[in-house]
Amino acid sequence: MRCSKGYVITGASEPVIYTCVNKDSKNVYVTLEGVIGETWPFQGYVKFMLQREADNADGWIDVSTHYGGYWGNSTTTKKHFRFSNIGYIGKVMLVTAEFYTNSNYTSKLKSSASHMFVR
């Protein structure tokens, strides 16, 4: 599993979040990991987005977006998600996590949590 280091800014702190990706022939597995021992961990809701490289342009094309639900404590648990039945073998892809304070996903926190990989 490969990971990229990122962050989310909460009202009290800026916890480190690692975005990790593993894949098989049909699925893309995403794991978000916090850092054990941080004083003020992330607690809230996560949205996952998967994009692929554009064929003839410099940009990204949306593949799938899912509301990943509640993450109770980034220092003690990992947040797992699976994108099912994803094609695009050999394409460069990008998975991004967004963080929210409420269950209707309207209060977005500033963050940078993503990982680029070859499908």
C-alpha atoms as a PDB file:
ATOM      1  CA  MET A   1       0.000   0.000   0.000  1.00  0.00           C
ATOM      2  CA  ARG A   2       1.356   3.420  -0.990  1.00  0.00           C
ATOM      3  CA  CYS A   3       0.542   6.581   0.961  1.00  0.00           C
ATOM      4  CA  SER A   4       0.782  10.369   0.684  1.00  0.00           C
ATOM      5  CA  LYS A   5       0.956  12.750   3.634  1.00  0.00           C
ATOM      6  CA  GLY A   6      -1.679  15.451   3.970  1.00  0.00           C
ATOM      7  CA  TYR A   7      -3.647  17.397   6.572  1.00  0.00           C
ATOM      8  CA  VAL A   8      -7.035  18.696   7.627  1.00  0.00           C
ATOM      9  CA  ILE A   9      -7.468  21.999   9.454  1.00  0.00           C
ATOM     10  CA  THR A  10      -9.968  21.807  12.295  1.00  0.00           C
ATOM     11  CA  GLY A  11     -10.896  24.625  14.644  1.00  0.00           C
ATOM     12  CA  ALA A  12      -8.340  23.438  17.182  1.00  0.00           C
ATOM     13  CA  SER A  13      -5.481  21.979  15.157  1.00  0.00           C
ATOM     14  CA  GLU A  14      -4.070  20.635  11.905  1.00  0.00           C
ATOM     15  CA  PRO A  15      -3.929  16.835  12.215  1.00  0.00           C
ATOM     16  CA  VAL A  16      -1.785  14.897   9.747  1.00  0.00           C
ATOM     17  CA  ILE A  17      -3.744  12.532   7.488  1.00  0.00           C
ATOM     18  CA  TYR A  18      -2.149   9.893   5.272  1.00  0.00           C
ATOM     19  CA  THR A  19      -4.111   8.865   2.162  1.00  0.00           C
ATOM     20  CA  CYS A  20      -3.210   5.288   1.217  1.00  0.00           C
ATOM     21  CA  VAL A  21      -4.240   3.290  -1.860  1.00  0.00           C
ATOM     22  CA  ASN A  22      -4.184  -0.385  -2.742  1.00  0.00           C
ATOM     23  CA  LYS A  23      -5.807  -1.940  -5.797  1.00  0.00           C
ATOM     24  CA  ASP A  24      -6.716  -5.221  -7.440  1.00  0.00           C
ATOM     25  CA  SER A  25      -8.126  -6.022 -10.879  1.00  0.00           C
ATOM     26  CA  LYS A  26     -11.602  -4.648 -10.036  1.00  0.00           C
ATOM     27  CA  ASN A  27     -11.379  -2.361  -7.015  1.00  0.00           C
ATOM     28  CA  VAL A  28      -9.491   0.599  -5.551  1.00  0.00           C
ATOM     29  CA  TYR A  29      -9.105   0.497  -1.765  1.00  0.00           C
ATOM     30  CA  VAL A  30      -8.510   3.747   0.130  1.00  0.00           C
ATOM     31  CA  THR A  31      -7.388   4.028   3.741  1.00  0.00           C
ATOM     32  CA  LEU A  32      -7.065   7.276   5.672  1.00  0.00           C
ATOM     33  CA  GLU A  33      -4.669   7.147   8.614  1.00  0.00           C
ATOM     34  CA  GLY A  34      -4.052   9.706  11.320  1.00  0.00           C
ATOM     35  CA  VAL A  35      -1.058   9.931  13.626  1.00  0.00           C
ATOM     36  CA  ILE A  36      -1.230   8.272  17.045  1.00  0.00           C
ATOM     37  CA  GLY A  37      -0.648  10.748  19.848  1.00  0.00           C
ATOM     38  CA  GLU A  38      -1.896  13.935  18.192  1.00  0.00           C
ATOM     39  CA  THR A  39      -3.640  16.088  20.786  1.00  0.00           C
ATOM     40  CA  TRP A  40      -6.584  17.164  18.616  1.00  0.00           C
ATOM     41  CA  PRO A  41      -7.477  14.500  16.031  1.00  0.00           C
ATOM     42  CA  PHE A  42      -9.977  14.812  13.199  1.00  0.00           C
ATOM     43  CA  GLN A  43     -13.546  13.833  14.088  1.00  0.00           C
ATOM     44  CA  GLY A  44     -16.211  14.273  11.426  1.00  0.00           C
ATOM     45  CA  TYR A  45     -17.365  13.149   7.991  1.00  0.00           C
ATOM     46  CA  VAL A  46     -15.389  12.154   4.904  1.00  0.00           C
ATOM     47  CA  LYS A  47     -16.196  12.319   1.190  1.00  0.00           C
ATOM     48  CA  PHE A  48     -14.080  10.322  -1.290  1.00  0.00           C
ATOM     49  CA  MET A  49     -13.522  11.289  -4.932  1.00  0.00           C
ATOM     50  CA  LEU A  50     -11.800   9.266  -7.647  1.00  0.00           C
ATOM     51  CA  GLN A  51     -10.572  10.853 -10.878  1.00  0.00           C
ATOM     52  CA  ARG A  52      -8.573   9.681 -13.892  1.00  0.00           C
ATOM     53  CA  GLU A  53      -6.209  11.506 -16.196  1.00  0.00           C
ATOM     54  CA  ALA A  54      -7.786  13.094 -19.266  1.00  0.00           C
ATOM     55  CA  ASP A  55      -6.928  11.377 -22.542  1.00  0.00           C
ATOM     56  CA  ASN A  56      -6.071  14.429 -24.660  1.00  0.00           C
ATOM     57  CA  ALA A  57      -5.825  17.267 -22.176  1.00  0.00           C
ATOM     58  CA  ASP A  58      -3.997  18.317 -19.060  1.00  0.00           C
ATOM     59  CA  GLY A  59      -6.627  17.678 -16.413  1.00  0.00           C
ATOM     60  CA  TRP A  60      -8.755  15.221 -14.479  1.00  0.00           C
ATOM     61  CA  ILE A  61     -12.043  13.504 -15.279  1.00  0.00           C
ATOM     62  CA  ASP A  62     -14.401  12.506 -12.456  1.00  0.00           C
ATOM     63  CA  VAL A  63     -14.896   8.748 -12.132  1.00  0.00           C
ATOM     64  CA  SER A  64     -16.748   8.315  -8.831  1.00  0.00           C
ATOM     65  CA  THR A  65     -17.703  10.260  -5.685  1.00  0.00           C
ATOM     66  CA  HIS A  66     -18.988   8.701  -2.458  1.00  0.00           C
ATOM     67  CA  TYR A  67     -19.910   9.922   0.984  1.00  0.00           C
ATOM     68  CA  GLY A  68     -17.757   7.807   3.252  1.00  0.00           C
ATOM     69  CA  GLY A  69     -19.535   8.550   6.492  1.00  0.00           C
ATOM     70  CA  TYR A  70     -18.351   9.353   9.981  1.00  0.00           C
ATOM     71  CA  TRP A  71     -14.754   9.021  11.196  1.00  0.00           C
ATOM     72  CA  GLY A  72     -14.737   9.116  14.985  1.00  0.00           C
ATOM     73  CA  ASN A  73     -11.062   9.652  15.833  1.00  0.00           C
ATOM     74  CA  SER A  74      -8.175   9.900  13.384  1.00  0.00           C
ATOM     75  CA  THR A  75      -5.586   8.967  16.034  1.00  0.00           C
ATOM     76  CA  THR A  76      -7.122   5.636  17.069  1.00  0.00           C
ATOM     77  CA  THR A  77      -8.910   4.304  13.964  1.00  0.00           C
ATOM     78  CA  LYS A  78      -8.390   4.202  10.218  1.00  0.00           C
ATOM     79  CA  LYS A  79     -11.081   5.149   7.718  1.00  0.00           C
ATOM     80  CA  HIS A  80     -11.511   2.593   4.928  1.00  0.00           C
ATOM     81  CA  PHE A  81     -13.372   2.888   1.635  1.00  0.00           C
ATOM     82  CA  ARG A  82     -13.612   0.799  -1.545  1.00  0.00           C
ATOM     83  CA  PHE A  83     -14.369   2.019  -5.057  1.00  0.00           C
ATOM     84  CA  SER A  84     -15.895  -1.055  -6.745  1.00  0.00           C
ATOM     85  CA  ASN A  85     -15.616  -2.230 -10.353  1.00  0.00           C
ATOM     86  CA  ILE A  86     -13.168   0.438 -11.505  1.00  0.00           C
ATOM     87  CA  GLY A  87     -11.637   0.048 -14.961  1.00  0.00           C
ATOM     88  CA  TYR A  88      -9.005   2.314 -16.503  1.00  0.00           C
ATOM     89  CA  ILE A  89      -6.102  -0.137 -16.108  1.00  0.00           C
ATOM     90  CA  GLY A  90      -2.827   1.654 -16.849  1.00  0.00           C
ATOM     91  CA  LYS A  91      -4.277   5.155 -16.341  1.00  0.00           C
ATOM     92  CA  VAL A  92      -2.988   7.660 -13.821  1.00  0.00           C
ATOM     93  CA  MET A  93      -5.658   8.187 -11.173  1.00  0.00           C
ATOM     94  CA  LEU A  94      -6.162  10.504  -8.215  1.00  0.00           C
ATOM     95  CA  VAL A  95      -8.100   9.798  -5.051  1.00  0.00           C
ATOM     96  CA  THR A  96      -8.982  12.777  -2.845  1.00  0.00           C
ATOM     97  CA  ALA A  97     -10.627  12.935   0.575  1.00  0.00           C
ATOM     98  CA  GLU A  98     -12.622  15.961   1.720  1.00  0.00           C
ATOM     99  CA  PHE A  99     -13.514  16.528   5.370  1.00  0.00           C
ATOM    100  CA  TYR A 100     -16.747  17.942   6.817  1.00  0.00           C
ATOM    101  CA  THR A 101     -18.051  18.808  10.264  1.00  0.00           C
ATOM    102  CA  ASN A 102     -21.635  17.661   9.670  1.00  0.00           C
ATOM    103  CA  SER A 103     -23.524  14.716   8.201  1.00  0.00           C
ATOM    104  CA  ASN A 104     -25.089  16.686   5.362  1.00  0.00           C
ATOM    105  CA  TYR A 105     -21.601  17.498   4.004  1.00  0.00           C
ATOM    106  CA  THR A 106     -22.085  21.259   3.874  1.00  0.00           C
ATOM    107  CA  SER A 107     -19.435  22.531   6.333  1.00  0.00           C
ATOM    108  CA  LYS A 108     -16.237  21.650   4.491  1.00  0.00           C
ATOM    109  CA  LEU A 109     -12.907  21.963   6.275  1.00  0.00           C
ATOM    110  CA  LYS A 110      -9.726  23.110   4.549  1.00  0.00           C
ATOM    111  CA  SER A 111      -7.572  20.094   3.773  1.00  0.00           C
ATOM    112  CA  SER A 112      -5.096  18.452   1.463  1.00  0.00           C
ATOM    113  CA  ALA A 113      -5.482  14.681   1.433  1.00  0.00           C
ATOM    114  CA  SER A 114      -4.927  12.896  -1.865  1.00  0.00           C
ATOM    115  CA  HIS A 115      -2.868  10.200  -3.532  1.00  0.00           C
ATOM    116  CA  MET A 116      -1.959   9.784  -7.205  1.00  0.00           C
ATOM    117  CA  PHE A 117      -1.351   6.280  -8.575  1.00  0.00           C
ATOM    118  CA  VAL A 118      -1.327   4.190 -11.739  1.00  0.00           C
ATOM    119  CA  ARG A 119      -4.350   1.939 -12.024  1.00  0.00           C
END
